[in-house]
Amino acid sequence: MAEIGFDDFEKVDIRVGTVTRAEPFPEARRPALKLWVDFGGEIGVRKSSAQITVHYSPETLIGRQVMAVVNFPPRQIGPVKSEILVLGVPDENGEVVLLGPDQKVPDGGQMH
């Protein structure tokens, strides 16, 4: 693994946001969900696609706080323009488990 400097790390803007809307994404090549995540004030609501259908359904995501990279350029995924990268780690089977704070924090808070 290549090492990076602290200056490189500071370029990645990772924030907490609350999922306000989630729905199936049947057009995706692999099972996925469309997410709308509210980061509050200056960032607002951003949209993403996430392959998280093994552990999550749209109903279980509403109100959940997640961590996401908010300063990547938008990326077209089929008919969806993904504006953020929601962060997760693989479980023992390689399926994504979302990262988020273990208690409620203000939306838009920057990881440090």
C-alpha atoms as a PDB file:
ATOM      1  CA  MET A   1       0.000   0.000   0.000  1.00  0.00           C
ATOM      2  CA  ALA A   2       1.325   3.405  -0.949  1.00  0.00           C
ATOM      3  CA  GLU A   3       1.838   5.910   1.836  1.00  0.00           C
ATOM      4  CA  ILE A   4       0.276   9.361   1.596  1.00  0.00           C
ATOM      5  CA  GLY A   5       1.124  12.558   3.389  1.00  0.00           C
ATOM      6  CA  PHE A   6      -1.164  14.422   5.754  1.00  0.00           C
ATOM      7  CA  ASP A   7      -1.697  17.050   3.033  1.00  0.00           C
ATOM      8  CA  ASP A   8      -3.166  14.310   0.807  1.00  0.00           C
ATOM      9  CA  PHE A   9      -5.512  13.189   3.583  1.00  0.00           C
ATOM     10  CA  GLU A  10      -6.715  16.759   4.120  1.00  0.00           C
ATOM     11  CA  LYS A  11      -7.891  16.913   0.490  1.00  0.00           C
ATOM     12  CA  VAL A  12     -10.530  14.230   1.120  1.00  0.00           C
ATOM     13  CA  ASP A  13     -13.671  15.849   2.539  1.00  0.00           C
ATOM     14  CA  ILE A  14     -15.500  13.177   4.583  1.00  0.00           C
ATOM     15  CA  ARG A  15     -18.727  14.348   6.216  1.00  0.00           C
ATOM     16  CA  VAL A  16     -21.661  12.915   8.135  1.00  0.00           C
ATOM     17  CA  GLY A  17     -25.144  13.162   6.688  1.00  0.00           C
ATOM     18  CA  THR A  18     -28.609  11.735   7.279  1.00  0.00           C
ATOM     19  CA  VAL A  19     -30.358   9.557   4.715  1.00  0.00           C
ATOM     20  CA  THR A  20     -33.616  11.367   3.924  1.00  0.00           C
ATOM     21  CA  ARG A  21     -34.773   9.199   1.028  1.00  0.00           C
ATOM     22  CA  ALA A  22     -33.873   5.749  -0.281  1.00  0.00           C
ATOM     23  CA  GLU A  23     -35.338   3.657  -3.052  1.00  0.00           C
ATOM     24  CA  PRO A  24     -34.530   0.594  -5.139  1.00  0.00           C
ATOM     25  CA  PHE A  25     -32.329   1.077  -8.201  1.00  0.00           C
ATOM     26  CA  PRO A  26     -33.601  -1.653 -10.558  1.00  0.00           C
ATOM     27  CA  GLU A  27     -31.679  -0.252 -13.545  1.00  0.00           C
ATOM     28  CA  ALA A  28     -28.306  -0.935 -11.871  1.00  0.00           C
ATOM     29  CA  ARG A  29     -26.210  -3.836 -13.183  1.00  0.00           C
ATOM     30  CA  ARG A  30     -25.683  -5.119  -9.626  1.00  0.00           C
ATOM     31  CA  PRO A  31     -28.355  -4.807  -6.915  1.00  0.00           C
ATOM     32  CA  ALA A  32     -28.204  -1.275  -5.516  1.00  0.00           C
ATOM     33  CA  LEU A  33     -30.174   1.455  -3.809  1.00  0.00           C
ATOM     34  CA  LYS A  34     -30.480   5.156  -4.636  1.00  0.00           C
ATOM     35  CA  LEU A  35     -29.824   7.359  -1.617  1.00  0.00           C
ATOM     36  CA  TRP A  36     -30.439  11.012  -0.838  1.00  0.00           C
ATOM     37  CA  VAL A  37     -28.243  12.195   2.023  1.00  0.00           C
ATOM     38  CA  ASP A  38     -28.654  15.546   3.778  1.00  0.00           C
ATOM     39  CA  PHE A  39     -25.373  17.145   4.881  1.00  0.00           C
ATOM     40  CA  GLY A  40     -27.030  20.336   6.129  1.00  0.00           C
ATOM     41  CA  GLY A  41     -26.222  23.981   5.393  1.00  0.00           C
ATOM     42  CA  GLU A  42     -23.479  24.575   2.852  1.00  0.00           C
ATOM     43  CA  ILE A  43     -23.609  21.128   1.191  1.00  0.00           C
ATOM     44  CA  GLY A  44     -27.315  20.283   1.327  1.00  0.00           C
ATOM     45  CA  VAL A  45     -28.797  17.064  -0.045  1.00  0.00           C
ATOM     46  CA  ARG A  46     -26.639  14.917  -2.322  1.00  0.00           C
ATOM     47  CA  LYS A  47     -27.570  11.780  -4.241  1.00  0.00           C
ATOM     48  CA  SER A  48     -25.707   8.482  -4.506  1.00  0.00           C
ATOM     49  CA  SER A  49     -26.030   4.885  -5.605  1.00  0.00           C
ATOM     50  CA  ALA A  50     -24.815   2.168  -3.267  1.00  0.00           C
ATOM     51  CA  GLN A  51     -24.555  -1.615  -3.552  1.00  0.00           C
ATOM     52  CA  ILE A  52     -25.803  -2.234  -0.024  1.00  0.00           C
ATOM     53  CA  THR A  53     -28.917  -4.376  -0.579  1.00  0.00           C
ATOM     54  CA  VAL A  54     -27.714  -7.384   1.448  1.00  0.00           C
ATOM     55  CA  HIS A  55     -27.794  -5.579   4.803  1.00  0.00           C
ATOM     56  CA  TYR A  56     -30.128  -2.649   4.100  1.00  0.00           C
ATOM     57  CA  SER A  57     -33.529  -1.871   2.643  1.00  0.00           C
ATOM     58  CA  PRO A  58     -34.846   1.608   1.837  1.00  0.00           C
ATOM     59  CA  GLU A  59     -37.026   1.571   4.962  1.00  0.00           C
ATOM     60  CA  THR A  60     -34.109   0.798   7.304  1.00  0.00           C
ATOM     61  CA  LEU A  61     -31.963   3.622   5.924  1.00  0.00           C
ATOM     62  CA  ILE A  62     -34.267   6.611   6.425  1.00  0.00           C
ATOM     63  CA  GLY A  63     -32.932   8.684   9.330  1.00  0.00           C
ATOM     64  CA  ARG A  64     -29.640   6.786   9.502  1.00  0.00           C
ATOM     65  CA  GLN A  65     -26.463   8.857   9.638  1.00  0.00           C
ATOM     66  CA  VAL A  66     -23.696   7.794   7.257  1.00  0.00           C
ATOM     67  CA  MET A  67     -20.196   8.936   6.393  1.00  0.00           C
ATOM     68  CA  ALA A  68     -19.435   9.957   2.808  1.00  0.00           C
ATOM     69  CA  VAL A  69     -16.792  11.619   0.660  1.00  0.00           C
ATOM     70  CA  VAL A  70     -18.441  14.818  -0.582  1.00  0.00           C
ATOM     71  CA  ASN A  71     -15.733  16.323  -2.799  1.00  0.00           C
ATOM     72  CA  PHE A  72     -15.411  13.758  -5.590  1.00  0.00           C
ATOM     73  CA  PRO A  73     -16.666  14.928  -8.980  1.00  0.00           C
ATOM     74  CA  PRO A  74     -20.158  13.606  -9.865  1.00  0.00           C
ATOM     75  CA  ARG A  75     -20.187  10.236 -11.603  1.00  0.00           C
ATOM     76  CA  GLN A  76     -22.880   8.916 -13.923  1.00  0.00           C
ATOM     77  CA  ILE A  77     -24.090   5.444 -12.908  1.00  0.00           C
ATOM     78  CA  GLY A  78     -26.719   4.452 -15.450  1.00  0.00           C
ATOM     79  CA  PRO A  79     -29.536   6.989 -15.145  1.00  0.00           C
ATOM     80  CA  VAL A  80     -28.290   8.231 -11.746  1.00  0.00           C
ATOM     81  CA  LYS A  81     -25.697  10.961 -11.198  1.00  0.00           C
ATOM     82  CA  SER A  82     -23.840   9.956  -8.034  1.00  0.00           C
ATOM     83  CA  GLU A  83     -22.609  13.056  -6.209  1.00  0.00           C
ATOM     84  CA  ILE A  84     -21.028  11.432  -3.130  1.00  0.00           C
ATOM     85  CA  LEU A  85     -19.283   8.213  -2.136  1.00  0.00           C
ATOM     86  CA  VAL A  86     -21.018   6.629   0.851  1.00  0.00           C
ATOM     87  CA  LEU A  87     -18.421   4.781   2.955  1.00  0.00           C
ATOM     88  CA  GLY A  88     -18.565   1.220   4.253  1.00  0.00           C
ATOM     89  CA  VAL A  89     -16.438  -1.784   5.088  1.00  0.00           C
ATOM     90  CA  PRO A  90     -16.869  -5.413   3.999  1.00  0.00           C
ATOM     91  CA  ASP A  91     -18.339  -8.020   6.311  1.00  0.00           C
ATOM     92  CA  GLU A  92     -16.950 -11.583   6.385  1.00  0.00           C
ATOM     93  CA  ASN A  93     -18.683 -12.260   3.028  1.00  0.00           C
ATOM     94  CA  GLY A  94     -17.509  -9.066   1.352  1.00  0.00           C
ATOM     95  CA  GLU A  95     -20.894  -7.310   1.640  1.00  0.00           C
ATOM     96  CA  VAL A  96     -20.890  -3.620   2.554  1.00  0.00           C
ATOM     97  CA  VAL A  97     -21.631  -2.461   6.105  1.00  0.00           C
ATOM     98  CA  LEU A  98     -22.081   1.313   6.247  1.00  0.00           C
ATOM     99  CA  LEU A  99     -19.889   3.573   8.358  1.00  0.00           C
ATOM    100  CA  GLY A 100     -21.525   6.150  10.603  1.00  0.00           C
ATOM    101  CA  PRO A 101     -21.258   7.765  14.024  1.00  0.00           C
ATOM    102  CA  ASP A 102     -22.360   5.697  17.030  1.00  0.00           C
ATOM    103  CA  GLN A 103     -24.427   8.611  18.341  1.00  0.00           C
ATOM    104  CA  LYS A 104     -26.389  11.440  16.717  1.00  0.00           C
ATOM    105  CA  VAL A 105     -24.191  14.331  15.556  1.00  0.00           C
ATOM    106  CA  PRO A 106     -24.944  17.467  13.511  1.00  0.00           C
ATOM    107  CA  ASP A 107     -25.232  16.816   9.770  1.00  0.00           C
ATOM    108  CA  GLY A 108     -22.317  18.175   7.778  1.00  0.00           C
ATOM    109  CA  GLY A 109     -19.746  17.481  10.479  1.00  0.00           C
ATOM    110  CA  GLN A 110     -16.335  16.855   8.944  1.00  0.00           C
ATOM    111  CA  MET A 111     -14.313  13.809   9.899  1.00  0.00           C
ATOM    112  CA  HIS A 112     -10.988  14.613  11.570  1.00  0.00           C
END
